[in-house]
Amino acid sequence: MSRLAGKIALVTGAASGIGRESALLFAANGARVVCVDLSGDDNAATAADIKRTGGSAIALTADVSLASDMEGVVAATVEEFGALHVAFNNAGIMHSEDSDAIETQEGIWDLTMGVNAKGVFLGCKYEIPAMLESGGGSIINTASFVAVMGAATPQIAYTASKGAVLALTRELAVVHARQNIRINSLCPGPLRTELLMNFLDTDEKKKRRLVHVPMGRFGEAAEMAQAALWLASDEASYVTGTDLMVDGGLSAAYVTPEG
């Protein structure tokens, strides 16, 4: 079943991890995909893999924290494919020098907020008008379980940036709910991706993170892609303003109903 047949989908952070897996899965489900990343070669490889399997894709190099880049990406999408129906604002960073409030330097804070929070804002800023012209659509913003719970290993800039994504997503979902635009956040639990494995660079750090996960393992980027596909598809037609936790049971085990 082609769950995104006839749809035009834009995916940021498409060079690796969740973004790459989602771009491939969206294409396999009938979408024409715009792959966006700052890493030009790896991003081009994602688009090439889509085309090699019979799909349709283009690769655009962009810095999501720059308004001019994101405006250009959306304009190029519409010029190439004529519309925009799905946007997955997934690009993000997790800096190795991100720590607690005392140790984290201002530059690390600004860099992280610029990509993870401002990047999502700028994506929505230019994607929403294009979707209005296209008759509506679905936006998925990548947040994180740490936005709800906090992280056992300190990463204050990352955690704060993902909290901003949750708040931004909820507000925009309400604002655009009657315009046939759904906006949801995807909150992955700890994943076996290069991004997190580089941050949790010792066995002790990995064990400290996993001890909180009832399933006892790291999630996979492909599992997050499946969740993003559902949010992108018409199967989630009555879902907006939701923070979808895909975390191996972590939040269920450690967050009480009272908060």
Protein backbone atom coordinates (compact mmCIF):
# COMPACT_ATOMS: atom_id res chain seq x y z
CA MET A 1 0.00 0.00 0.00
CA SER A 2 1.40 3.39 -1.02
CA ARG A 3 0.48 5.49 1.98
CA LEU A 4 1.92 8.71 0.54
CA ALA A 5 0.97 8.23 -3.11
CA GLY A 6 0.94 11.54 -4.97
CA LYS A 7 2.50 13.44 -2.05
CA ILE A 8 5.52 15.73 -2.10
CA ALA A 9 7.61 15.31 1.05
CA LEU A 10 10.50 17.41 2.37
CA VAL A 11 12.85 15.80 4.90
CA THR A 12 15.62 17.70 6.70
CA GLY A 13 18.57 15.84 8.14
CA ALA A 14 18.18 13.32 5.31
CA ALA A 15 21.86 12.41 5.11
CA SER A 16 21.77 9.97 8.03
CA GLY A 17 19.82 8.48 10.91
CA ILE A 18 16.11 9.14 11.24
CA GLY A 19 16.11 11.53 8.29
CA ARG A 20 17.67 9.08 5.86
CA GLU A 21 15.45 6.19 6.96
CA SER A 22 12.36 8.41 6.70
CA ALA A 23 13.26 9.72 3.26
CA LEU A 24 13.71 6.16 1.99
CA LEU A 25 10.47 4.99 3.61
CA PHE A 26 8.44 7.97 2.37
CA ALA A 27 9.67 7.27 -1.16
CA ALA A 28 8.87 3.58 -0.85
CA ASN A 29 5.33 4.63 0.05
CA GLY A 30 4.85 6.72 -3.06
CA ALA A 31 6.11 10.19 -2.10
CA ARG A 32 8.41 12.30 -4.21
CA VAL A 33 11.07 13.35 -1.72
CA VAL A 34 13.20 16.44 -1.24
CA CYS A 35 16.26 15.43 0.79
CA VAL A 36 17.79 18.33 2.74
CA ASP A 37 21.00 18.33 4.77
CA LEU A 38 24.15 20.34 5.40
CA SER A 39 26.17 17.22 4.52
CA GLY A 40 26.00 17.40 0.74
CA ASP A 41 27.60 14.09 -0.27
CA ASP A 42 25.71 11.89 2.17
CA ASN A 43 22.47 13.70 1.41
CA ALA A 44 23.00 13.18 -2.31
CA ALA A 45 23.56 9.49 -1.57
CA THR A 46 20.13 9.27 0.09
CA ALA A 47 18.46 10.81 -2.97
CA ALA A 48 20.47 8.53 -5.26
CA ASP A 49 19.34 5.46 -3.31
CA ILE A 50 15.73 6.54 -3.71
CA LYS A 51 16.13 6.98 -7.46
CA ARG A 52 18.00 3.68 -7.76
CA THR A 53 14.93 1.86 -6.44
CA GLY A 54 12.58 3.63 -8.84
CA GLY A 55 11.57 6.58 -6.67
CA SER A 56 11.73 10.30 -7.32
CA ALA A 57 13.97 12.56 -5.24
CA ILE A 58 16.19 15.61 -5.30
CA ALA A 59 18.97 16.58 -2.87
CA LEU A 60 19.39 20.13 -1.59
CA THR A 61 22.25 21.32 0.60
CA ALA A 62 21.09 23.76 3.26
CA ASP A 63 21.68 25.03 6.78
CA VAL A 64 18.30 24.84 8.51
CA SER A 65 19.28 27.63 10.91
CA LEU A 66 19.45 30.16 8.04
CA ALA A 67 16.22 31.74 6.85
CA SER A 68 17.55 32.24 3.34
CA ASP A 69 18.44 28.55 3.05
CA MET A 70 15.05 27.29 4.24
CA GLU A 71 13.17 29.78 2.10
CA GLY A 72 15.20 28.56 -0.85
CA VAL A 73 14.59 24.90 -0.05
CA VAL A 74 10.83 25.31 0.01
CA ALA A 75 10.88 27.44 -3.14
CA ALA A 76 12.98 24.80 -4.93
CA THR A 77 10.59 22.07 -3.77
CA VAL A 78 7.58 23.84 -5.22
CA GLU A 79 9.47 24.70 -8.41
CA GLU A 80 10.56 21.08 -8.92
CA PHE A 81 7.40 19.23 -7.89
CA GLY A 82 4.65 21.86 -7.88
CA ALA A 83 3.47 21.43 -4.28
CA LEU A 84 4.37 20.51 -0.71
CA HIS A 85 2.25 18.08 1.32
CA VAL A 86 4.57 16.62 3.97
CA ALA A 87 7.45 18.23 5.87
CA PHE A 88 9.62 16.38 8.36
CA ASN A 89 11.70 18.96 10.25
CA ASN A 90 14.14 16.44 11.61
CA ALA A 91 17.61 17.99 11.35
CA GLY A 92 19.31 18.34 14.70
CA ILE A 93 22.62 18.31 16.54
CA MET A 94 23.87 17.01 19.87
CA HIS A 95 27.19 18.61 20.76
CA SER A 96 29.79 16.68 22.74
CA GLU A 97 30.48 19.77 24.91
CA ASP A 98 26.81 20.15 25.87
CA SER A 99 26.58 19.52 29.62
CA ASP A 100 24.89 21.16 32.60
CA ALA A 101 24.19 24.87 32.99
CA ILE A 102 27.50 25.50 34.72
CA GLU A 103 29.75 23.78 32.20
CA THR A 104 27.95 24.46 28.91
CA GLN A 105 29.39 27.42 27.06
CA GLU A 106 27.20 30.12 25.53
CA GLY A 107 28.40 29.24 22.04
CA ILE A 108 27.26 25.62 22.42
CA TRP A 109 23.86 26.84 23.61
CA ASP A 110 23.48 29.21 20.66
CA LEU A 111 24.62 26.61 18.12
CA THR A 112 22.27 23.94 19.47
CA MET A 113 19.26 26.23 19.76
CA GLY A 114 19.96 27.59 16.29
CA VAL A 115 19.73 24.20 14.60
CA ASN A 116 17.29 22.31 16.81
CA ALA A 117 14.76 25.04 17.66
CA LYS A 118 15.25 27.87 15.18
CA GLY A 119 15.66 25.34 12.39
CA VAL A 120 12.22 23.91 13.12
CA PHE A 121 10.73 27.41 13.35
CA LEU A 122 12.21 28.39 9.99
CA GLY A 123 11.04 25.16 8.43
CA CYS A 124 7.47 25.81 9.54
CA LYS A 125 7.73 29.47 8.55
CA TYR A 126 8.22 28.61 4.89
CA GLU A 127 6.54 25.21 4.70
CA ILE A 128 3.14 26.36 5.99
CA PRO A 129 2.49 28.91 3.21
CA ALA A 130 3.47 26.30 0.61
CA MET A 131 1.11 23.78 2.19
CA LEU A 132 -1.72 26.30 2.22
CA GLU A 133 -1.20 26.71 -1.53
CA SER A 134 -1.16 22.91 -1.87
CA GLY A 135 -4.46 22.39 -0.04
CA GLY A 136 -3.02 21.34 3.31
CA GLY A 137 -0.55 18.85 4.64
CA SER A 138 1.28 17.30 7.56
CA ILE A 139 4.31 18.66 9.41
CA ILE A 140 6.34 16.46 11.76
CA ASN A 141 8.92 18.06 14.04
CA THR A 142 11.55 15.93 15.75
CA ALA A 143 11.68 16.57 19.49
CA SER A 144 12.90 14.02 22.07
CA PHE A 145 11.91 12.18 25.21
CA VAL A 146 14.32 14.49 27.09
CA ALA A 147 11.98 17.41 26.38
CA VAL A 148 9.43 15.69 28.61
CA MET A 149 11.66 14.05 31.20
CA GLY A 150 15.15 15.53 31.23
CA ALA A 151 18.29 13.51 30.51
CA ALA A 152 20.23 11.32 32.92
CA THR A 153 23.41 12.47 31.16
CA PRO A 154 23.36 16.30 31.23
CA GLN A 155 22.80 18.00 27.86
CA ILE A 156 21.04 21.21 28.81
CA ALA A 157 21.12 22.98 25.44
CA TYR A 158 19.80 19.91 23.61
CA THR A 159 17.07 19.32 26.19
CA ALA A 160 15.97 22.96 26.14
CA SER A 161 15.95 23.06 22.35
CA LYS A 162 13.72 20.01 22.17
CA GLY A 163 11.38 21.50 24.78
CA ALA A 164 11.06 24.50 22.49
CA VAL A 165 10.09 22.17 19.64
CA LEU A 166 7.24 20.74 21.73
CA ALA A 167 5.87 24.17 22.61
CA LEU A 168 6.21 25.49 19.06
CA THR A 169 4.51 22.41 17.63
CA ARG A 170 1.50 22.62 19.95
CA GLU A 171 0.91 26.30 19.26
CA LEU A 172 1.21 26.03 15.49
CA ALA A 173 -1.05 22.98 15.51
CA VAL A 174 -3.80 25.03 17.15
CA VAL A 175 -3.26 28.03 14.88
CA HIS A 176 -3.49 26.01 11.66
CA ALA A 177 -5.91 23.24 12.67
CA ARG A 178 -8.78 24.61 10.55
CA GLN A 179 -6.56 25.12 7.51
CA ASN A 180 -6.08 21.40 6.87
CA ILE A 181 -2.52 21.46 8.19
CA ARG A 182 -1.64 18.97 10.91
CA ILE A 183 1.47 19.60 13.00
CA ASN A 184 2.84 17.00 15.40
CA SER A 185 6.10 16.25 17.16
CA LEU A 186 7.91 12.94 17.20
CA CYS A 187 9.71 12.19 20.48
CA PRO A 188 12.25 9.40 20.04
CA GLY A 189 13.70 7.58 22.96
CA PRO A 190 17.42 6.72 23.05
CA LEU A 191 18.44 5.51 19.60
CA ARG A 192 21.35 3.53 18.22
CA THR A 193 22.34 6.32 15.86
CA GLU A 194 25.75 7.84 15.22
CA LEU A 195 24.55 11.09 16.82
CA LEU A 196 23.74 9.53 20.20
CA MET A 197 26.49 6.90 20.18
CA ASN A 198 29.06 9.67 19.71
CA PHE A 199 27.58 11.55 22.66
CA LEU A 200 27.35 8.45 24.89
CA ASP A 201 30.99 7.67 24.18
CA THR A 202 31.62 5.21 27.03
CA ASP A 203 29.97 1.95 28.06
CA GLU A 204 29.10 3.56 31.39
CA LYS A 205 27.16 6.36 29.70
CA LYS A 206 25.33 3.89 27.46
CA LYS A 207 24.37 1.69 30.42
CA ARG A 208 23.18 4.72 32.38
CA ARG A 209 20.82 5.64 29.55
CA LEU A 210 19.56 2.09 28.93
CA VAL A 211 18.78 1.33 32.55
CA HIS A 212 15.75 3.64 32.24
CA VAL A 213 14.32 1.92 29.13
CA PRO A 214 11.88 -0.91 29.95
CA MET A 215 12.60 -2.63 26.61
CA GLY A 216 16.29 -2.69 27.57
CA ARG A 217 17.66 -1.63 24.20
CA PHE A 218 18.30 1.39 22.04
CA GLY A 219 15.70 2.13 19.41
CA GLU A 220 16.47 2.12 15.70
CA ALA A 221 16.19 4.99 13.25
CA ALA A 222 13.99 2.80 11.04
CA GLU A 223 11.48 2.48 13.88
CA MET A 224 11.23 6.27 14.13
CA ALA A 225 10.71 6.46 10.37
CA GLN A 226 7.68 4.19 10.69
CA ALA A 227 6.18 6.55 13.28
CA ALA A 228 6.90 9.56 11.06
CA LEU A 229 5.25 7.80 8.12
CA TRP A 230 2.07 7.30 10.13
CA LEU A 231 1.97 10.95 11.17
CA ALA A 232 2.57 11.99 7.57
CA SER A 233 -0.15 9.77 6.16
CA ASP A 234 -3.91 10.21 6.04
CA GLU A 235 -4.18 7.44 8.63
CA ALA A 236 -3.39 10.17 11.18
CA SER A 237 -5.99 12.55 9.73
CA TYR A 238 -7.47 13.44 13.16
CA VAL A 239 -4.10 13.80 14.90
CA THR A 240 -2.61 17.24 15.46
CA GLY A 241 -0.77 18.93 18.31
CA THR A 242 0.39 15.55 19.59
CA ASP A 243 3.78 14.64 21.06
CA LEU A 244 4.19 11.04 19.90
CA MET A 245 6.48 9.20 22.29
CA VAL A 246 8.38 6.36 20.60
CA ASP A 247 10.69 5.48 23.45
CA GLY A 248 10.60 1.80 24.36
CA GLY A 249 8.32 2.51 27.33
CA LEU A 250 10.70 4.96 29.01
CA SER A 251 8.17 7.73 29.61
CA ALA A 252 5.49 5.30 30.79
CA ALA A 253 7.81 3.94 33.44
CA TYR A 254 9.10 7.22 34.83
CA VAL A 255 6.44 9.91 34.34
CA THR A 256 3.48 9.90 36.72
CA PRO A 257 -0.07 10.88 35.59
CA GLU A 258 0.26 14.03 37.71
CA GLY A 259 3.33 15.16 35.71
